[in-house]
Every structure is written in structure tokens, then in C-alpha cells.
Amino acid sequence: MYRVMVKDRVMIAHSLRGEIFGPAQQLHGATFVVEATFSRRALDANGIVVDIGLAHAAVAAIAGRVAYKNLDDLDFFAGQNTTVEFLAGWFASELVGKLEAGELGPAPLDGIAVTLWESDVASATFEVELSG
């Protein structure tokens, strides 16, 4: 399996519901590193997995939707605990939407994975298997 990874970062604010989150129940800020990995079983005719420029632009556009915002105030997250796990899945889903819209180029992909780093020692990953 071939893989190409691009990164970006996004600063947000949010609070988490539930006693398990301790002090994170209060409004706090976070800077997430977004690591998006695109995979293919075989390279396309150009010898690539995905256009890296388009992939980076897609990740940056998705991050821009939430950058410098309080996630608690965004309608599309209403009622959702915006944990790092949930947000990794949201980013992956948004990337699939961009793939389906042709924003990642013409090459089919076999998978997309998003790892969201909440610190240098903790992250969550969500993987989507695609039909290629």
C-alpha cells in the first residue's frame, strides 16, 4: 500500500461534557496537528497516490471551517462532544466529501486516515476504507 501524508494545524476552543473530562469540562483552547494520510494499492499513471498540493489545500480548507472558533457554538457540532476522536472522524468524513467532489484530483483512493494530535504524546486516528 502506498501512502502520502500531509499536515496542518488548527487552533480551536471547546468544552467537553461529562465528569470523565475533569477540568476539560470548562471552556479551553487547543491546537491540533491534523495529519491526513491518503492510500492506494497502486500508483496512478503519473506515479502518485494523490496530488499533494490538492490534498494539503483540502485539509487546510477543512481546518479553516473551525479555526479560531468555539466548537460549542457551531451548528454542525450541536449536541456533540468534540473529543479528539470525534474530530478525527469529522475531518476524515469531510475529506471523503472533498474526494467525491473531485477536489483531490481524478485518481481513485483506497483509503483516507486522519490522525489528530492533541499534544506531542497523544492522538486519535479515524480511517476510512474506500473502494478505489
Protein backbone atom coordinates (compact mmCIF):
# COMPACT_ATOMS: atom_id res chain seq x y z
CA MET A 1 0.00 0.00 0.00
CA TYR A 2 1.33 3.43 -0.94
CA ARG A 3 0.65 6.34 1.39
CA VAL A 4 1.02 10.11 1.18
CA MET A 5 0.61 12.25 4.28
CA VAL A 6 0.07 16.00 4.62
CA LYS A 7 -0.17 18.05 7.82
CA ASP A 8 -1.73 21.26 9.02
CA ARG A 9 -2.68 22.66 12.39
CA VAL A 10 -5.75 24.33 13.75
CA MET A 11 -6.47 26.33 16.90
CA ILE A 12 -9.91 25.94 18.45
CA ALA A 13 -11.79 26.40 21.71
CA HIS A 14 -14.31 23.97 23.16
CA SER A 15 -15.58 22.31 26.31
CA LEU A 16 -16.37 18.65 26.91
CA ARG A 17 -19.43 17.30 28.70
CA GLY A 18 -19.11 14.61 31.34
CA GLU A 19 -17.30 14.16 34.63
CA ILE A 20 -14.73 11.91 32.95
CA PHE A 21 -13.26 15.06 31.34
CA GLY A 22 -12.46 16.77 34.65
CA PRO A 23 -11.16 20.31 34.06
CA ALA A 24 -11.71 19.97 30.28
CA GLN A 25 -15.43 20.45 31.04
CA GLN A 26 -14.57 24.13 31.19
CA LEU A 27 -14.02 26.16 28.03
CA HIS A 28 -10.40 25.74 26.96
CA GLY A 29 -8.25 26.14 23.88
CA ALA A 30 -6.42 23.52 21.89
CA THR A 31 -4.03 23.48 18.98
CA PHE A 32 -4.43 20.28 16.99
CA VAL A 33 -2.00 18.97 14.41
CA VAL A 34 -4.02 17.39 11.61
CA GLU A 35 -2.26 14.56 9.79
CA ALA A 36 -4.14 13.26 6.74
CA THR A 37 -2.92 10.08 5.04
CA PHE A 38 -4.13 9.05 1.60
CA SER A 39 -3.52 5.48 0.40
CA ARG A 40 -3.61 3.49 -2.83
CA ARG A 41 -2.69 -0.10 -3.63
CA ALA A 42 -1.02 1.02 -6.87
CA LEU A 43 0.29 4.33 -8.11
CA ASP A 44 -1.64 6.13 -10.84
CA ALA A 45 -0.32 6.74 -14.36
CA ASN A 46 1.65 9.74 -13.06
CA GLY A 47 3.31 7.65 -10.35
CA ILE A 48 1.46 9.32 -7.46
CA VAL A 49 -1.09 8.48 -4.79
CA VAL A 50 -2.72 11.91 -4.69
CA ASP A 51 -1.80 15.42 -5.74
CA ILE A 52 -0.03 16.65 -2.60
CA GLY A 53 -0.97 20.27 -3.29
CA LEU A 54 -4.66 19.45 -3.63
CA ALA A 55 -4.51 17.24 -0.53
CA HIS A 56 -2.93 19.98 1.54
CA ALA A 57 -5.41 22.57 0.25
CA ALA A 58 -8.31 20.26 1.19
CA VAL A 59 -7.01 19.75 4.73
CA ALA A 60 -6.40 23.49 5.13
CA ALA A 61 -9.92 24.31 3.88
CA ILE A 62 -11.49 21.91 6.38
CA ALA A 63 -9.35 23.25 9.21
CA GLY A 64 -10.38 26.76 8.19
CA ARG A 65 -14.01 25.93 8.91
CA VAL A 66 -13.22 25.56 12.63
CA ALA A 67 -10.06 27.67 13.09
CA TYR A 68 -10.21 30.17 15.94
CA LYS A 69 -13.79 29.20 16.70
CA ASN A 70 -15.51 27.86 19.78
CA LEU A 71 -16.71 24.46 18.59
CA ASP A 72 -19.51 24.62 21.16
CA ASP A 73 -21.07 27.44 19.10
CA LEU A 74 -21.02 25.70 15.69
CA ASP A 75 -24.38 24.37 14.50
CA PHE A 76 -22.80 21.37 12.75
CA PHE A 77 -21.42 20.16 16.11
CA ALA A 78 -24.61 20.86 18.11
CA GLY A 79 -25.08 18.33 20.91
CA GLN A 80 -21.78 16.59 20.12
CA ASN A 81 -18.86 16.14 22.48
CA THR A 82 -16.00 17.35 20.29
CA THR A 83 -13.43 14.88 21.56
CA VAL A 84 -10.22 14.36 19.62
CA GLU A 85 -11.64 11.00 18.47
CA PHE A 86 -14.83 12.59 17.17
CA LEU A 87 -12.92 15.37 15.43
CA ALA A 88 -10.58 12.90 13.68
CA GLY A 89 -13.69 11.21 12.26
CA TRP A 90 -15.19 14.54 11.26
CA PHE A 91 -12.03 15.57 9.39
CA ALA A 92 -11.93 12.18 7.61
CA SER A 93 -15.59 12.46 6.60
CA GLU A 94 -15.01 15.97 5.26
CA LEU A 95 -12.04 14.70 3.22
CA VAL A 96 -14.18 11.94 1.73
CA GLY A 97 -16.65 14.65 0.70
CA LYS A 98 -13.85 16.59 -1.00
CA LEU A 99 -12.70 13.40 -2.75
CA GLU A 100 -16.24 12.76 -4.02
CA ALA A 101 -16.44 16.38 -5.22
CA GLY A 102 -13.27 15.88 -7.28
CA GLU A 103 -11.22 18.27 -5.14
CA LEU A 104 -8.40 15.73 -4.63
CA GLY A 105 -7.88 15.05 -8.31
CA PRO A 106 -9.00 12.22 -10.60
CA ALA A 107 -7.07 9.33 -9.05
CA PRO A 108 -9.19 6.91 -7.01
CA LEU A 109 -8.03 6.25 -3.46
CA ASP A 110 -8.23 3.10 -1.39
CA GLY A 111 -8.21 4.83 1.96
CA ILE A 112 -8.06 8.04 3.94
CA ALA A 113 -6.90 8.23 7.55
CA VAL A 114 -6.81 11.29 9.77
CA THR A 115 -4.72 11.44 12.90
CA LEU A 116 -5.47 14.40 15.12
CA TRP A 117 -2.68 15.18 17.57
CA GLU A 118 -3.83 16.97 20.71
CA SER A 119 -0.27 17.03 22.06
CA ASP A 120 3.11 15.61 21.16
CA VAL A 121 2.24 12.42 23.08
CA ALA A 122 -1.49 11.89 22.43
CA SER A 123 -3.53 11.48 19.26
CA ALA A 124 -6.60 9.80 17.79
CA THR A 125 -6.97 8.30 14.32
CA PHE A 126 -10.00 7.59 12.15
CA GLU A 127 -9.62 5.51 8.99
CA VAL A 128 -11.98 5.23 6.03
CA GLU A 129 -11.64 2.33 3.61
CA LEU A 130 -12.64 3.28 0.06
CA SER A 131 -13.40 1.13 -2.95
CA GLY A 132 -10.61 2.73 -5.02
